[in-house]
Amino acid sequence: MNIEEIMYVTSLGNYVRIIMKDEEVLGNHSLKDINELVKSMDFIQVHRSCLINKNYVTKLFKNTVHIDDVQIPIGETFLKKVKLFFKESYI
């Protein structure tokens, strides 16, 4: 699996659901493990249970990130960091 092909990752307790363009994989890692793995790349945690790849974001609206037709809520504690991340990414 190529990390750059990951669109987003969601937590399912002790597992993670890794969503790619054409594939979905279930792994026995924590979201924290995945976050550490992709820390220096184009990923950011937007919710306590979700990590996204900014390269697949199609829309950022209020407190929601859109990746294609999927709407991912931005957690209140992550909102400021997410907005700053995207602002710095596109300046």
PDB file of N, CA and C in Angstrom:
ATOM      1  N   MET A   1       0.842  -1.179   0.000  1.00  0.00           N
ATOM      2  CA  MET A   1       0.000   0.000   0.000  1.00  0.00           C
ATOM      3  C   MET A   1       0.888   1.242   0.000  1.00  0.00           C
ATOM      4  N   ASN A   2       0.606   2.150  -0.910  1.00  0.00           N
ATOM      5  CA  ASN A   2       1.330   3.403  -1.001  1.00  0.00           C
ATOM      6  C   ASN A   2       0.632   4.433  -0.113  1.00  0.00           C
ATOM      7  N   ILE A   3       1.336   5.008   0.832  1.00  0.00           N
ATOM      8  CA  ILE A   3       0.746   5.965   1.779  1.00  0.00           C
ATOM      9  C   ILE A   3       0.107   7.149   1.062  1.00  0.00           C
ATOM     10  N   GLU A   4       0.696   7.573  -0.038  1.00  0.00           N
ATOM     11  CA  GLU A   4       0.169   8.729  -0.774  1.00  0.00           C
ATOM     12  C   GLU A   4      -1.200   8.457  -1.402  1.00  0.00           C
ATOM     13  N   GLU A   5      -1.581   7.200  -1.523  1.00  0.00           N
ATOM     14  CA  GLU A   5      -2.878   6.845  -2.091  1.00  0.00           C
ATOM     15  C   GLU A   5      -3.994   6.833  -1.047  1.00  0.00           C
ATOM     16  N   ILE A   6      -3.627   6.992   0.218  1.00  0.00           N
ATOM     17  CA  ILE A   6      -4.628   7.004   1.290  1.00  0.00           C
ATOM     18  C   ILE A   6      -5.388   8.325   1.258  1.00  0.00           C
ATOM     19  N   MET A   7      -6.707   8.255   1.181  1.00  0.00           N
ATOM     20  CA  MET A   7      -7.542   9.452   1.188  1.00  0.00           C
ATOM     21  C   MET A   7      -7.850   9.879   2.623  1.00  0.00           C
ATOM     22  N   TYR A   8      -8.274   8.911   3.440  1.00  0.00           N
ATOM     23  CA  TYR A   8      -8.507   9.194   4.854  1.00  0.00           C
ATOM     24  C   TYR A   8      -8.527   7.891   5.645  1.00  0.00           C
ATOM     25  N   VAL A   9      -8.396   8.050   6.955  1.00  0.00           N
ATOM     26  CA  VAL A   9      -8.351   6.904   7.865  1.00  0.00           C
ATOM     27  C   VAL A   9      -9.319   7.180   9.003  1.00  0.00           C
ATOM     28  N   THR A  10     -10.140   6.191   9.334  1.00  0.00           N
ATOM     29  CA  THR A  10     -11.046   6.336  10.470  1.00  0.00           C
ATOM     30  C   THR A  10     -10.742   5.259  11.510  1.00  0.00           C
ATOM     31  N   SER A  11     -10.970   5.608  12.746  1.00  0.00           N
ATOM     32  CA  SER A  11     -10.718   4.704  13.855  1.00  0.00           C
ATOM     33  C   SER A  11     -11.944   3.850  14.130  1.00  0.00           C
ATOM     34  N   LEU A  12     -11.681   2.584  14.378  1.00  0.00           N
ATOM     35  CA  LEU A  12     -12.731   1.635  14.761  1.00  0.00           C
ATOM     36  C   LEU A  12     -12.252   0.884  16.000  1.00  0.00           C
ATOM     37  N   GLY A  13     -12.135   1.606  17.098  1.00  0.00           N
ATOM     38  CA  GLY A  13     -11.619   1.001  18.319  1.00  0.00           C
ATOM     39  C   GLY A  13     -10.142   0.692  18.187  1.00  0.00           C
ATOM     40  N   ASN A  14      -9.788  -0.587  18.245  1.00  0.00           N
ATOM     41  CA  ASN A  14      -8.384  -0.995  18.116  1.00  0.00           C
ATOM     42  C   ASN A  14      -7.965  -1.218  16.669  1.00  0.00           C
ATOM     43  N   TYR A  15      -8.830  -0.879  15.740  1.00  0.00           N
ATOM     44  CA  TYR A  15      -8.556  -1.047  14.318  1.00  0.00           C
ATOM     45  C   TYR A  15      -8.695   0.292  13.610  1.00  0.00           C
ATOM     46  N   VAL A  16      -8.198   0.338  12.393  1.00  0.00           N
ATOM     47  CA  VAL A  16      -8.411   1.508  11.548  1.00  0.00           C
ATOM     48  C   VAL A  16      -8.958   1.050  10.205  1.00  0.00           C
ATOM     49  N   ARG A  17      -9.781   1.879   9.631  1.00  0.00           N
ATOM     50  CA  ARG A  17     -10.313   1.661   8.291  1.00  0.00           C
ATOM     51  C   ARG A  17      -9.586   2.646   7.387  1.00  0.00           C
ATOM     52  N   ILE A  18      -8.806   2.140   6.462  1.00  0.00           N
ATOM     53  CA  ILE A  18      -8.009   2.964   5.567  1.00  0.00           C
ATOM     54  C   ILE A  18      -8.727   3.028   4.229  1.00  0.00           C
ATOM     55  N   ILE A  19      -9.096   4.233   3.835  1.00  0.00           N
ATOM     56  CA  ILE A  19      -9.860   4.430   2.607  1.00  0.00           C
ATOM     57  C   ILE A  19      -8.943   4.998   1.534  1.00  0.00           C
ATOM     58  N   MET A  20      -8.875   4.286   0.408  1.00  0.00           N
ATOM     59  CA  MET A  20      -8.127   4.745  -0.752  1.00  0.00           C
ATOM     60  C   MET A  20      -9.117   4.895  -1.905  1.00  0.00           C
ATOM     61  N   LYS A  21      -8.662   5.438  -3.009  1.00  0.00           N
ATOM     62  CA  LYS A  21      -9.538   5.696  -4.151  1.00  0.00           C
ATOM     63  C   LYS A  21     -10.303   4.434  -4.579  1.00  0.00           C
ATOM     64  N   ASP A  22      -9.602   3.317  -4.713  1.00  0.00           N
ATOM     65  CA  ASP A  22     -10.223   2.105  -5.244  1.00  0.00           C
ATOM     66  C   ASP A  22     -10.260   0.942  -4.266  1.00  0.00           C
ATOM     67  N   GLU A  23      -9.938   1.208  -3.018  1.00  0.00           N
ATOM     68  CA  GLU A  23      -9.796   0.094  -2.085  1.00  0.00           C
ATOM     69  C   GLU A  23     -10.022   0.569  -0.660  1.00  0.00           C
ATOM     70  N   GLU A  24     -10.459  -0.352   0.171  1.00  0.00           N
ATOM     71  CA  GLU A  24     -10.638  -0.099   1.596  1.00  0.00           C
ATOM     72  C   GLU A  24      -9.944  -1.227   2.355  1.00  0.00           C
ATOM     73  N   VAL A  25      -9.136  -0.856   3.346  1.00  0.00           N
ATOM     74  CA  VAL A  25      -8.365  -1.850   4.089  1.00  0.00           C
ATOM     75  C   VAL A  25      -8.638  -1.675   5.577  1.00  0.00           C
ATOM     76  N   LEU A  26      -8.766  -2.784   6.277  1.00  0.00           N
ATOM     77  CA  LEU A  26      -8.918  -2.777   7.723  1.00  0.00           C
ATOM     78  C   LEU A  26      -7.585  -3.210   8.317  1.00  0.00           C
ATOM     79  N   GLY A  27      -7.065  -2.417   9.249  1.00  0.00           N
ATOM     80  CA  GLY A  27      -5.777  -2.744   9.857  1.00  0.00           C
ATOM     81  C   GLY A  27      -5.893  -2.767  11.366  1.00  0.00           C
ATOM     82  N   ASN A  28      -5.028  -3.532  12.003  1.00  0.00           N
ATOM     83  CA  ASN A  28      -5.067  -3.611  13.464  1.00  0.00           C
ATOM     84  C   ASN A  28      -4.034  -2.672  14.079  1.00  0.00           C
ATOM     85  N   HIS A  29      -4.169  -1.406  13.751  1.00  0.00           N
ATOM     86  CA  HIS A  29      -3.345  -0.341  14.300  1.00  0.00           C
ATOM     87  C   HIS A  29      -4.276   0.672  14.945  1.00  0.00           C
ATOM     88  N   SER A  30      -3.706   1.539  15.741  1.00  0.00           N
ATOM     89  CA  SER A  30      -4.514   2.632  16.276  1.00  0.00           C
ATOM     90  C   SER A  30      -4.361   3.837  15.358  1.00  0.00           C
ATOM     91  N   LEU A  31      -5.277   4.771  15.470  1.00  0.00           N
ATOM     92  CA  LEU A  31      -5.185   5.998  14.690  1.00  0.00           C
ATOM     93  C   LEU A  31      -3.901   6.749  15.064  1.00  0.00           C
ATOM     94  N   LYS A  32      -3.527   6.660  16.310  1.00  0.00           N
ATOM     95  CA  LYS A  32      -2.288   7.290  16.786  1.00  0.00           C
ATOM     96  C   LYS A  32      -1.074   6.705  16.048  1.00  0.00           C
ATOM     97  N   ASP A  33      -1.041   5.395  15.853  1.00  0.00           N
ATOM     98  CA  ASP A  33       0.056   4.747  15.117  1.00  0.00           C
ATOM     99  C   ASP A  33       0.140   5.271  13.683  1.00  0.00           C
ATOM    100  N   ILE A  34      -1.009   5.356  13.036  1.00  0.00           N
ATOM    101  CA  ILE A  34      -1.043   5.838  11.652  1.00  0.00           C
ATOM    102  C   ILE A  34      -0.629   7.302  11.598  1.00  0.00           C
ATOM    103  N   ASN A  35      -1.100   8.087  12.547  1.00  0.00           N
ATOM    104  CA  ASN A  35      -0.746   9.505  12.600  1.00  0.00           C
ATOM    105  C   ASN A  35       0.765   9.687  12.732  1.00  0.00           C
ATOM    106  N   GLU A  36       1.400   8.883  13.540  1.00  0.00           N
ATOM    107  CA  GLU A  36       2.860   8.955  13.697  1.00  0.00           C
ATOM    108  C   GLU A  36       3.566   8.572  12.392  1.00  0.00           C
ATOM    109  N   LEU A  37       3.020   7.614  11.696  1.00  0.00           N
ATOM    110  CA  LEU A  37       3.600   7.139  10.442  1.00  0.00           C
ATOM    111  C   LEU A  37       3.559   8.205   9.342  1.00  0.00           C
ATOM    112  N   VAL A  38       2.505   8.996   9.301  1.00  0.00           N
ATOM    113  CA  VAL A  38       2.327   9.974   8.218  1.00  0.00           C
ATOM    114  C   VAL A  38       2.535  11.415   8.679  1.00  0.00           C
ATOM    115  N   LYS A  39       3.080  11.590   9.864  1.00  0.00           N
ATOM    116  CA  LYS A  39       3.192  12.900  10.507  1.00  0.00           C
ATOM    117  C   LYS A  39       3.814  13.987   9.630  1.00  0.00           C
ATOM    118  N   SER A  40       4.867  13.687   8.926  1.00  0.00           N
ATOM    119  CA  SER A  40       5.562  14.713   8.148  1.00  0.00           C
ATOM    120  C   SER A  40       5.023  14.824   6.722  1.00  0.00           C
ATOM    121  N   MET A  41       3.943  14.151   6.443  1.00  0.00           N
ATOM    122  CA  MET A  41       3.360  14.179   5.099  1.00  0.00           C
ATOM    123  C   MET A  41       2.156  15.117   5.089  1.00  0.00           C
ATOM    124  N   ASP A  42       1.301  14.989   4.116  1.00  0.00           N
ATOM    125  CA  ASP A  42       0.168  15.888   3.935  1.00  0.00           C
ATOM    126  C   ASP A  42      -1.091  15.427   4.657  1.00  0.00           C
ATOM    127  N   PHE A  43      -0.944  14.862   5.836  1.00  0.00           N
ATOM    128  CA  PHE A  43      -2.064  14.362   6.611  1.00  0.00           C
ATOM    129  C   PHE A  43      -2.287  15.227   7.841  1.00  0.00           C
ATOM    130  N   ILE A  44      -3.538  15.315   8.245  1.00  0.00           N
ATOM    131  CA  ILE A  44      -3.869  16.023   9.481  1.00  0.00           C
ATOM    132  C   ILE A  44      -5.070  15.336  10.128  1.00  0.00           C
ATOM    133  N   GLN A  45      -5.054  15.294  11.435  1.00  0.00           N
ATOM    134  CA  GLN A  45      -6.184  14.733  12.161  1.00  0.00           C
ATOM    135  C   GLN A  45      -7.240  15.823  12.282  1.00  0.00           C
ATOM    136  N   VAL A  46      -8.463  15.523  11.852  1.00  0.00           N
ATOM    137  CA  VAL A  46      -9.542  16.503  11.857  1.00  0.00           C
ATOM    138  C   VAL A  46     -10.618  16.193  12.900  1.00  0.00           C
ATOM    139  N   HIS A  47     -10.517  15.017  13.479  1.00  0.00           N
ATOM    140  CA  HIS A  47     -11.515  14.555  14.441  1.00  0.00           C
ATOM    141  C   HIS A  47     -10.812  13.509  15.301  1.00  0.00           C
ATOM    142  N   ARG A  48     -11.324  13.247  16.461  1.00  0.00           N
ATOM    143  CA  ARG A  48     -10.647  12.265  17.325  1.00  0.00           C
ATOM    144  C   ARG A  48     -10.592  10.884  16.683  1.00  0.00           C
ATOM    145  N   SER A  49     -11.443  10.671  15.678  1.00  0.00           N
ATOM    146  CA  SER A  49     -11.469   9.356  15.035  1.00  0.00           C
ATOM    147  C   SER A  49     -11.192   9.410  13.528  1.00  0.00           C
ATOM    148  N   CYS A  50     -10.598  10.523  13.049  1.00  0.00           N
ATOM    149  CA  CYS A  50     -10.376  10.621  11.610  1.00  0.00           C
ATOM    150  C   CYS A  50      -9.131  11.436  11.254  1.00  0.00           C
ATOM    151  N   LEU A  51      -8.397  10.912  10.310  1.00  0.00           N
ATOM    152  CA  LEU A  51      -7.178  11.509   9.783  1.00  0.00           C
ATOM    153  C   LEU A  51      -7.370  11.619   8.277  1.00  0.00           C
ATOM    154  N   ILE A  52      -7.038  12.786   7.686  1.00  0.00           N
ATOM    155  CA  ILE A  52      -7.259  12.965   6.252  1.00  0.00           C
ATOM    156  C   ILE A  52      -5.965  13.312   5.524  1.00  0.00           C
ATOM    157  N   ASN A  53      -5.953  13.034   4.233  1.00  0.00           N
ATOM    158  CA  ASN A  53      -4.865  13.437   3.349  1.00  0.00           C
ATOM    159  C   ASN A  53      -5.351  14.693   2.636  1.00  0.00           C
ATOM    160  N   LYS A  54      -4.667  15.821   2.831  1.00  0.00           N
ATOM    161  CA  LYS A  54      -5.138  17.098   2.272  1.00  0.00           C
ATOM    162  C   LYS A  54      -5.201  17.080   0.752  1.00  0.00           C
ATOM    163  N   ASN A  55      -4.448  16.219   0.118  1.00  0.00           N
ATOM    164  CA  ASN A  55      -4.419  16.172  -1.340  1.00  0.00           C
ATOM    165  C   ASN A  55      -5.719  15.650  -1.949  1.00  0.00           C
ATOM    166  N   TYR A  56      -6.575  15.066  -1.143  1.00  0.00           N
ATOM    167  CA  TYR A  56      -7.850  14.543  -1.643  1.00  0.00           C
ATOM    168  C   TYR A  56      -9.046  15.400  -1.220  1.00  0.00           C
ATOM    169  N   VAL A  57      -8.795  16.468  -0.499  1.00  0.00           N
ATOM    170  CA  VAL A  57      -9.879  17.331  -0.043  1.00  0.00           C
ATOM    171  C   VAL A  57     -10.435  18.101  -1.241  1.00  0.00           C
ATOM    172  N   THR A  58     -11.738  17.987  -1.443  1.00  0.00           N
ATOM    173  CA  THR A  58     -12.384  18.691  -2.549  1.00  0.00           C
ATOM    174  C   THR A  58     -13.066  19.965  -2.086  1.00  0.00           C
ATOM    175  N   LYS A  59     -13.338  20.042  -0.774  1.00  0.00           N
ATOM    176  CA  LYS A  59     -14.002  21.225  -0.253  1.00  0.00           C
ATOM    177  C   LYS A  59     -13.801  21.293   1.260  1.00  0.00           C
ATOM    178  N   LEU A  60     -13.612  22.496   1.760  1.00  0.00           N
ATOM    179  CA  LEU A  60     -13.533  22.750   3.200  1.00  0.00           C
ATOM    180  C   LEU A  60     -14.600  23.787   3.475  1.00  0.00           C
ATOM    181  N   PHE A  61     -15.620  23.414   4.234  1.00  0.00           N
ATOM    182  CA  PHE A  61     -16.740  24.306   4.464  1.00  0.00           C
ATOM    183  C   PHE A  61     -17.125  24.282   5.934  1.00  0.00           C
ATOM    184  N   LYS A  62     -17.014  25.436   6.566  1.00  0.00           N
ATOM    185  CA  LYS A  62     -17.309  25.595   7.991  1.00  0.00           C
ATOM    186  C   LYS A  62     -16.566  24.544   8.808  1.00  0.00           C
ATOM    187  N   ASN A  63     -17.287  23.599   9.369  1.00  0.00           N
ATOM    188  CA  ASN A  63     -16.633  22.577  10.195  1.00  0.00           C
ATOM    189  C   ASN A  63     -16.722  21.189   9.562  1.00  0.00           C
ATOM    190  N   THR A  64     -16.622  21.180   8.223  1.00  0.00           N
ATOM    191  CA  THR A  64     -16.696  19.920   7.482  1.00  0.00           C
ATOM    192  C   THR A  64     -15.656  19.887   6.378  1.00  0.00           C
ATOM    193  N   VAL A  65     -15.010  18.745   6.236  1.00  0.00           N
ATOM    194  CA  VAL A  65     -14.084  18.503   5.135  1.00  0.00           C
ATOM    195  C   VAL A  65     -14.783  17.549   4.174  1.00  0.00           C
ATOM    196  N   HIS A  66     -14.695  17.850   2.887  1.00  0.00           N
ATOM    197  CA  HIS A  66     -15.302  16.984   1.883  1.00  0.00           C
ATOM    198  C   HIS A  66     -14.186  16.301   1.095  1.00  0.00           C
ATOM    199  N   ILE A  67     -14.279  15.011   0.988  1.00  0.00           N
ATOM    200  CA  ILE A  67     -13.384  14.224   0.135  1.00  0.00           C
ATOM    201  C   ILE A  67     -14.320  13.475  -0.814  1.00  0.00           C
ATOM    202  N   ASP A  68     -14.360  13.955  -2.040  1.00  0.00           N
ATOM    203  CA  ASP A  68     -15.360  13.487  -3.009  1.00  0.00           C
ATOM    204  C   ASP A  68     -16.744  13.675  -2.400  1.00  0.00           C
ATOM    205  N   ASP A  69     -17.536  12.627  -2.303  1.00  0.00           N
ATOM    206  CA  ASP A  69     -18.898  12.737  -1.771  1.00  0.00           C
ATOM    207  C   ASP A  69     -18.978  12.503  -0.264  1.00  0.00           C
ATOM    208  N   VAL A  70     -17.852  12.256   0.365  1.00  0.00           N
ATOM    209  CA  VAL A  70     -17.828  11.964   1.801  1.00  0.00           C
ATOM    210  C   VAL A  70     -17.635  13.254   2.587  1.00  0.00           C
ATOM    211  N   GLN A  71     -18.507  13.483   3.554  1.00  0.00           N
ATOM    212  CA  GLN A  71     -18.397  14.650   4.423  1.00  0.00           C
ATOM    213  C   GLN A  71     -17.853  14.185   5.767  1.00  0.00           C
ATOM    214  N   ILE A  72     -16.737  14.793   6.162  1.00  0.00           N
ATOM    215  CA  ILE A  72     -16.090  14.412   7.409  1.00  0.00           C
ATOM    216  C   ILE A  72     -16.148  15.601   8.358  1.00  0.00           C
ATOM    217  N   PRO A  73     -16.776  15.427   9.519  1.00  0.00           N
ATOM    218  CA  PRO A  73     -16.872  16.553  10.453  1.00  0.00           C
ATOM    219  C   PRO A  73     -15.504  16.872  11.061  1.00  0.00           C
ATOM    220  N   ILE A  74     -15.271  18.154  11.282  1.00  0.00           N
ATOM    221  CA  ILE A  74     -14.055  18.590  11.958  1.00  0.00           C
ATOM    222  C   ILE A  74     -14.427  18.768  13.428  1.00  0.00           C
ATOM    223  N   GLY A  75     -13.729  18.075  14.293  1.00  0.00           N
ATOM    224  CA  GLY A  75     -13.995  18.180  15.724  1.00  0.00           C
ATOM    225  C   GLY A  75     -13.671  19.574  16.234  1.00  0.00           C
ATOM    226  N   GLU A  76     -14.424  20.026  17.196  1.00  0.00           N
ATOM    227  CA  GLU A  76     -14.259  21.374  17.734  1.00  0.00           C
ATOM    228  C   GLU A  76     -12.832  21.635  18.211  1.00  0.00           C
ATOM    229  N   THR A  77     -12.214  20.662  18.838  1.00  0.00           N
ATOM    230  CA  THR A  77     -10.853  20.856  19.345  1.00  0.00           C
ATOM    231  C   THR A  77      -9.810  20.878  18.227  1.00  0.00           C
ATOM    232  N   PHE A  78     -10.174  20.414  17.033  1.00  0.00           N
ATOM    233  CA  PHE A  78      -9.242  20.373  15.901  1.00  0.00           C
ATOM    234  C   PHE A  78      -9.455  21.516  14.913  1.00  0.00           C
ATOM    235  N   LEU A  79     -10.564  22.242  15.045  1.00  0.00           N
ATOM    236  CA  LEU A  79     -10.975  23.231  14.045  1.00  0.00           C
ATOM    237  C   LEU A  79      -9.918  24.300  13.770  1.00  0.00           C
ATOM    238  N   LYS A  80      -9.381  24.911  14.803  1.00  0.00           N
ATOM    239  CA  LYS A  80      -8.395  25.981  14.624  1.00  0.00           C
ATOM    240  C   LYS A  80      -7.143  25.452  13.918  1.00  0.00           C
ATOM    241  N   LYS A  81      -6.669  24.314  14.347  1.00  0.00           N
ATOM    242  CA  LYS A  81      -5.469  23.710  13.758  1.00  0.00           C
ATOM    243  C   LYS A  81      -5.695  23.341  12.287  1.00  0.00           C
ATOM    244  N   VAL A  82      -6.871  22.817  11.975  1.00  0.00           N
ATOM    245  CA  VAL A  82      -7.197  22.414  10.602  1.00  0.00           C
ATOM    246  C   VAL A  82      -7.250  23.633   9.683  1.00  0.00           C
ATOM    247  N   LYS A  83      -7.924  24.689  10.132  1.00  0.00           N
ATOM    248  CA  LYS A  83      -8.012  25.900   9.310  1.00  0.00           C
ATOM    249  C   LYS A  83      -6.631  26.504   9.072  1.00  0.00           C
ATOM    250  N   LEU A  84      -5.794  26.515  10.083  1.00  0.00           N
ATOM    251  CA  LEU A  84      -4.430  27.025   9.936  1.00  0.00           C
ATOM    252  C   LEU A  84      -3.627  26.145   8.981  1.00  0.00           C
ATOM    253  N   PHE A  85      -3.784  24.850   9.089  1.00  0.00           N
ATOM    254  CA  PHE A  85      -3.090  23.906   8.215  1.00  0.00           C
ATOM    255  C   PHE A  85      -3.428  24.163   6.751  1.00  0.00           C
ATOM    256  N   PHE A  86      -4.704  24.353   6.466  1.00  0.00           N
ATOM    257  CA  PHE A  86      -5.111  24.585   5.083  1.00  0.00           C
ATOM    258  C   PHE A  86      -4.722  25.976   4.605  1.00  0.00           C
ATOM    259  N   LYS A  87      -4.781  26.943   5.481  1.00  0.00           N
ATOM    260  CA  LYS A  87      -4.385  28.300   5.107  1.00  0.00           C
ATOM    261  C   LYS A  87      -2.914  28.326   4.723  1.00  0.00           C
ATOM    262  N   GLU A  88      -2.070  27.694   5.529  1.00  0.00           N
ATOM    263  CA  GLU A  88      -0.630  27.645   5.241  1.00  0.00           C
ATOM    264  C   GLU A  88      -0.326  26.805   4.019  1.00  0.00           C
ATOM    265  N   SER A  89      -1.129  25.807   3.749  1.00  0.00           N
ATOM    266  CA  SER A  89      -0.904  24.922   2.617  1.00  0.00           C
ATOM    267  C   SER A  89      -1.144  25.598   1.274  1.00  0.00           C
ATOM    268  N   TYR A  90      -2.034  26.576   1.278  1.00  0.00           N
ATOM    269  CA  TYR A  90      -2.438  27.166   0.003  1.00  0.00           C
ATOM    270  C   TYR A  90      -2.024  28.622  -0.159  1.00  0.00           C
ATOM    271  N   ILE A  91      -1.128  29.101   0.687  1.00  0.00           N
ATOM    272  CA  ILE A  91      -0.636  30.488   0.554  1.00  0.00           C
ATOM    273  C   ILE A  91       0.442  30.515  -0.499  1.00  0.00           C
TER     274      ILE A  91
END
